[in-house]
């Protein structure tokens, strides 16, 4: 249904934002829109 598609697209958006956050954290902490993310804590201590 439409609800399922909406949730699926929202999930993809969240995954995309998360991927961008991780990529930003890899390039520089200031590039991460989430500020602090688990991968950053593990890799950029």
PDB file of N, CA and C in Angstrom:
ATOM      1  N   UNK A   1       0.814  -1.217   0.000  1.00  0.00           N
ATOM      2  CA  UNK A   1       0.000   0.000   0.000  1.00  0.00           C
ATOM      3  C   UNK A   1       0.842   1.259   0.000  1.00  0.00           C
ATOM      4  N   UNK A   2       0.159   2.367   0.003  1.00  0.00           N
ATOM      5  CA  UNK A   2       0.888   3.644  -0.008  1.00  0.00           C
ATOM      6  C   UNK A   2       1.662   3.861   1.279  1.00  0.00           C
ATOM      7  N   UNK A   3       1.069   3.415   2.383  1.00  0.00           N
ATOM      8  CA  UNK A   3       1.745   3.583   3.670  1.00  0.00           C
ATOM      9  C   UNK A   3       3.069   2.831   3.681  1.00  0.00           C
ATOM     10  N   UNK A   4       3.038   1.603   3.162  1.00  0.00           N
ATOM     11  CA  UNK A   4       4.266   0.818   3.106  1.00  0.00           C
ATOM     12  C   UNK A   4       5.327   1.493   2.258  1.00  0.00           C
ATOM     13  N   UNK A   5       4.898   2.058   1.132  1.00  0.00           N
ATOM     14  CA  UNK A   5       5.843   2.742   0.249  1.00  0.00           C
ATOM     15  C   UNK A   5       6.406   3.981   0.936  1.00  0.00           C
ATOM     16  N   UNK A   6       5.547   4.691   1.680  1.00  0.00           N
ATOM     17  CA  UNK A   6       5.996   5.891   2.383  1.00  0.00           C
ATOM     18  C   UNK A   6       7.033   5.535   3.440  1.00  0.00           C
ATOM     19  N   UNK A   7       6.758   4.463   4.186  1.00  0.00           N
ATOM     20  CA  UNK A   7       7.699   4.035   5.216  1.00  0.00           C
ATOM     21  C   UNK A   7       9.004   3.574   4.588  1.00  0.00           C
ATOM     22  N   UNK A   8       8.892   2.881   3.454  1.00  0.00           N
ATOM     23  CA  UNK A   8      10.085   2.391   2.773  1.00  0.00           C
ATOM     24  C   UNK A   8      10.940   3.559   2.300  1.00  0.00           C
ATOM     25  N   UNK A   9      10.292   4.570   1.714  1.00  0.00           N
ATOM     26  CA  UNK A   9      11.037   5.735   1.226  1.00  0.00           C
ATOM     27  C   UNK A   9      11.647   6.505   2.383  1.00  0.00           C
ATOM     28  N   UNK A  10      10.900   6.601   3.486  1.00  0.00           N
ATOM     29  CA  UNK A  10      11.430   7.288   4.666  1.00  0.00           C
ATOM     30  C   UNK A  10      12.654   6.545   5.190  1.00  0.00           C
ATOM     31  N   UNK A  11      12.589   5.210   5.167  1.00  0.00           N
ATOM     32  CA  UNK A  11      13.724   4.409   5.612  1.00  0.00           C
ATOM     33  C   UNK A  11      14.934   4.631   4.722  1.00  0.00           C
ATOM     34  N   UNK A  12      14.697   4.715   3.418  1.00  0.00           N
ATOM     35  CA  UNK A  12      15.801   4.960   2.486  1.00  0.00           C
ATOM     36  C   UNK A  12      16.407   6.330   2.735  1.00  0.00           C
ATOM     37  N   UNK A  13      15.548   7.311   3.026  1.00  0.00           N
ATOM     38  CA  UNK A  13      16.046   8.658   3.311  1.00  0.00           C
ATOM     39  C   UNK A  13      16.930   8.638   4.552  1.00  0.00           C
ATOM     40  N   UNK A  14      16.495   7.912   5.582  1.00  0.00           N
ATOM     41  CA  UNK A  14      17.279   7.831   6.809  1.00  0.00           C
ATOM     42  C   UNK A  14      18.610   7.139   6.552  1.00  0.00           C
ATOM     43  N   UNK A  15      18.585   6.073   5.755  1.00  0.00           N
ATOM     44  CA  UNK A  15      19.827   5.365   5.435  1.00  0.00           C
ATOM     45  C   UNK A  15      20.770   6.268   4.649  1.00  0.00           C
ATOM     46  N   UNK A  16      20.188   7.059   3.741  1.00  0.00           N
ATOM     47  CA  UNK A  16      21.001   7.977   2.943  1.00  0.00           C
ATOM     48  C   UNK A  16      21.643   9.028   3.840  1.00  0.00           C
ATOM     49  N   UNK A  17      20.858   9.587   4.759  1.00  0.00           N
ATOM     50  CA  UNK A  17      21.391  10.590   5.683  1.00  0.00           C
ATOM     51  C   UNK A  17      22.477   9.980   6.563  1.00  0.00           C
ATOM     52  N   UNK A  18      22.254   8.741   6.997  1.00  0.00           N
ATOM     53  CA  UNK A  18      23.230   8.057   7.845  1.00  0.00           C
ATOM     54  C   UNK A  18      24.529   7.825   7.080  1.00  0.00           C
ATOM     55  N   UNK A  19      24.388   7.392   5.807  1.00  0.00           N
ATOM     56  CA  UNK A  19      25.568   7.152   4.978  1.00  0.00           C
ATOM     57  C   UNK A  19      26.334   8.453   4.763  1.00  0.00           C
ATOM     58  N   UNK A  20      25.601   9.540   4.534  1.00  0.00           N
ATOM     59  CA  UNK A  20      26.244  10.839   4.352  1.00  0.00           C
ATOM     60  C   UNK A  20      26.931  11.265   5.641  1.00  0.00           C
ATOM     61  N   UNK A  21      26.319  10.962   6.767  1.00  0.00           N
ATOM     62  CA  UNK A  21      26.912  11.317   8.057  1.00  0.00           C
ATOM     63  C   UNK A  21      28.214  10.554   8.268  1.00  0.00           C
ATOM     64  N   UNK A  22      28.199   9.263   7.948  1.00  0.00           N
ATOM     65  CA  UNK A  22      29.410   8.454   8.099  1.00  0.00           C
ATOM     66  C   UNK A  22      30.490   8.944   7.147  1.00  0.00           C
ATOM     67  N   UNK A  23      30.085   9.276   5.906  1.00  0.00           N
ATOM     68  CA  UNK A  23      31.043   9.760   4.912  1.00  0.00           C
ATOM     69  C   UNK A  23      31.619  11.097   5.362  1.00  0.00           C
ATOM     70  N   UNK A  24      30.744  11.948   5.912  1.00  0.00           N
ATOM     71  CA  UNK A  24      31.194  13.247   6.403  1.00  0.00           C
ATOM     72  C   UNK A  24      32.147  13.081   7.580  1.00  0.00           C
ATOM     73  N   UNK A  25      31.847  12.113   8.446  1.00  0.00           N
ATOM     74  CA  UNK A  25      32.705  11.868   9.604  1.00  0.00           C
ATOM     75  C   UNK A  25      34.076  11.397   9.145  1.00  0.00           C
ATOM     76  N   UNK A  26      34.111  10.648   8.047  1.00  0.00           N
ATOM     77  CA  UNK A  26      35.385  10.166   7.530  1.00  0.00           C
ATOM     78  C   UNK A  26      36.217  11.307   6.971  1.00  0.00           C
ATOM     79  N   UNK A  27      35.549  12.316   6.404  1.00  0.00           N
ATOM     80  CA  UNK A  27      36.268  13.444   5.823  1.00  0.00           C
ATOM     81  C   UNK A  27      36.592  14.508   6.851  1.00  0.00           C
ATOM     82  N   UNK A  28      35.852  14.526   7.936  1.00  0.00           N
ATOM     83  CA  UNK A  28      36.062  15.531   8.968  1.00  0.00           C
ATOM     84  C   UNK A  28      34.853  15.585   9.874  1.00  0.00           C
ATOM     85  N   UNK A  29      35.083  15.713  11.156  1.00  0.00           N
ATOM     86  CA  UNK A  29      33.969  15.661  12.103  1.00  0.00           C
ATOM     87  C   UNK A  29      32.950  16.764  11.831  1.00  0.00           C
ATOM     88  N   UNK A  30      33.417  17.913  11.377  1.00  0.00           N
ATOM     89  CA  UNK A  30      32.496  19.026  11.134  1.00  0.00           C
ATOM     90  C   UNK A  30      31.586  18.744   9.944  1.00  0.00           C
ATOM     91  N   UNK A  31      31.955  17.746   9.126  1.00  0.00           N
ATOM     92  CA  UNK A  31      31.158  17.433   7.952  1.00  0.00           C
ATOM     93  C   UNK A  31      29.991  16.515   8.272  1.00  0.00           C
ATOM     94  N   UNK A  32      29.926  16.062   9.522  1.00  0.00           N
ATOM     95  CA  UNK A  32      28.858  15.133   9.888  1.00  0.00           C
ATOM     96  C   UNK A  32      27.635  15.888  10.391  1.00  0.00           C
ATOM     97  N   UNK A  33      26.507  15.783   9.677  1.00  0.00           N
ATOM     98  CA  UNK A  33      25.294  16.490  10.082  1.00  0.00           C
ATOM     99  C   UNK A  33      24.740  15.999  11.411  1.00  0.00           C
ATOM    100  N   UNK A  34      25.076  14.766  11.780  1.00  0.00           N
ATOM    101  CA  UNK A  34      24.572  14.219  13.035  1.00  0.00           C
ATOM    102  C   UNK A  34      25.480  14.572  14.201  1.00  0.00           C
ATOM    103  N   UNK A  35      26.603  15.202  13.904  1.00  0.00           N
ATOM    104  CA  UNK A  35      27.525  15.598  14.961  1.00  0.00           C
ATOM    105  C   UNK A  35      28.348  14.414  15.456  1.00  0.00           C
ATOM    106  N   UNK A  36      27.714  13.534  16.202  1.00  0.00           N
ATOM    107  CA  UNK A  36      28.398  12.351  16.710  1.00  0.00           C
ATOM    108  C   UNK A  36      27.652  11.105  16.285  1.00  0.00           C
ATOM    109  N   UNK A  37      28.356  10.159  15.710  1.00  0.00           N
ATOM    110  CA  UNK A  37      27.727   8.902  15.331  1.00  0.00           C
ATOM    111  C   UNK A  37      28.620   7.761  15.803  1.00  0.00           C
ATOM    112  N   UNK A  38      28.040   6.599  16.029  1.00  0.00           N
ATOM    113  CA  UNK A  38      28.797   5.454  16.570  1.00  0.00           C
ATOM    114  C   UNK A  38      30.094   5.163  15.824  1.00  0.00           C
ATOM    115  N   UNK A  39      30.050   5.176  14.488  1.00  0.00           N
ATOM    116  CA  UNK A  39      31.251   4.869  13.720  1.00  0.00           C
ATOM    117  C   UNK A  39      32.326   5.910  13.967  1.00  0.00           C
ATOM    118  N   UNK A  40      31.908   7.171  14.147  1.00  0.00           N
ATOM    119  CA  UNK A  40      32.884   8.222  14.398  1.00  0.00           C
ATOM    120  C   UNK A  40      33.559   7.988  15.750  1.00  0.00           C
ATOM    121  N   UNK A  41      32.781   7.573  16.720  1.00  0.00           N
ATOM    122  CA  UNK A  41      33.335   7.309  18.047  1.00  0.00           C
ATOM    123  C   UNK A  41      34.356   6.185  17.984  1.00  0.00           C
ATOM    124  N   UNK A  42      34.058   5.176  17.158  1.00  0.00           N
ATOM    125  CA  UNK A  42      34.939   4.016  17.073  1.00  0.00           C
ATOM    126  C   UNK A  42      36.201   4.309  16.276  1.00  0.00           C
ATOM    127  N   UNK A  43      36.079   5.149  15.235  1.00  0.00           N
ATOM    128  CA  UNK A  43      37.201   5.300  14.311  1.00  0.00           C
ATOM    129  C   UNK A  43      37.965   6.601  14.499  1.00  0.00           C
ATOM    130  N   UNK A  44      37.326   7.601  15.100  1.00  0.00           N
ATOM    131  CA  UNK A  44      37.959   8.928  15.167  1.00  0.00           C
ATOM    132  C   UNK A  44      38.117   9.386  16.604  1.00  0.00           C
ATOM    133  N   UNK A  45      38.532   8.482  17.481  1.00  0.00           N
ATOM    134  CA  UNK A  45      38.698   8.854  18.878  1.00  0.00           C
ATOM    135  C   UNK A  45      39.993   9.608  19.058  1.00  0.00           C
TER     136      UNK A  45
END
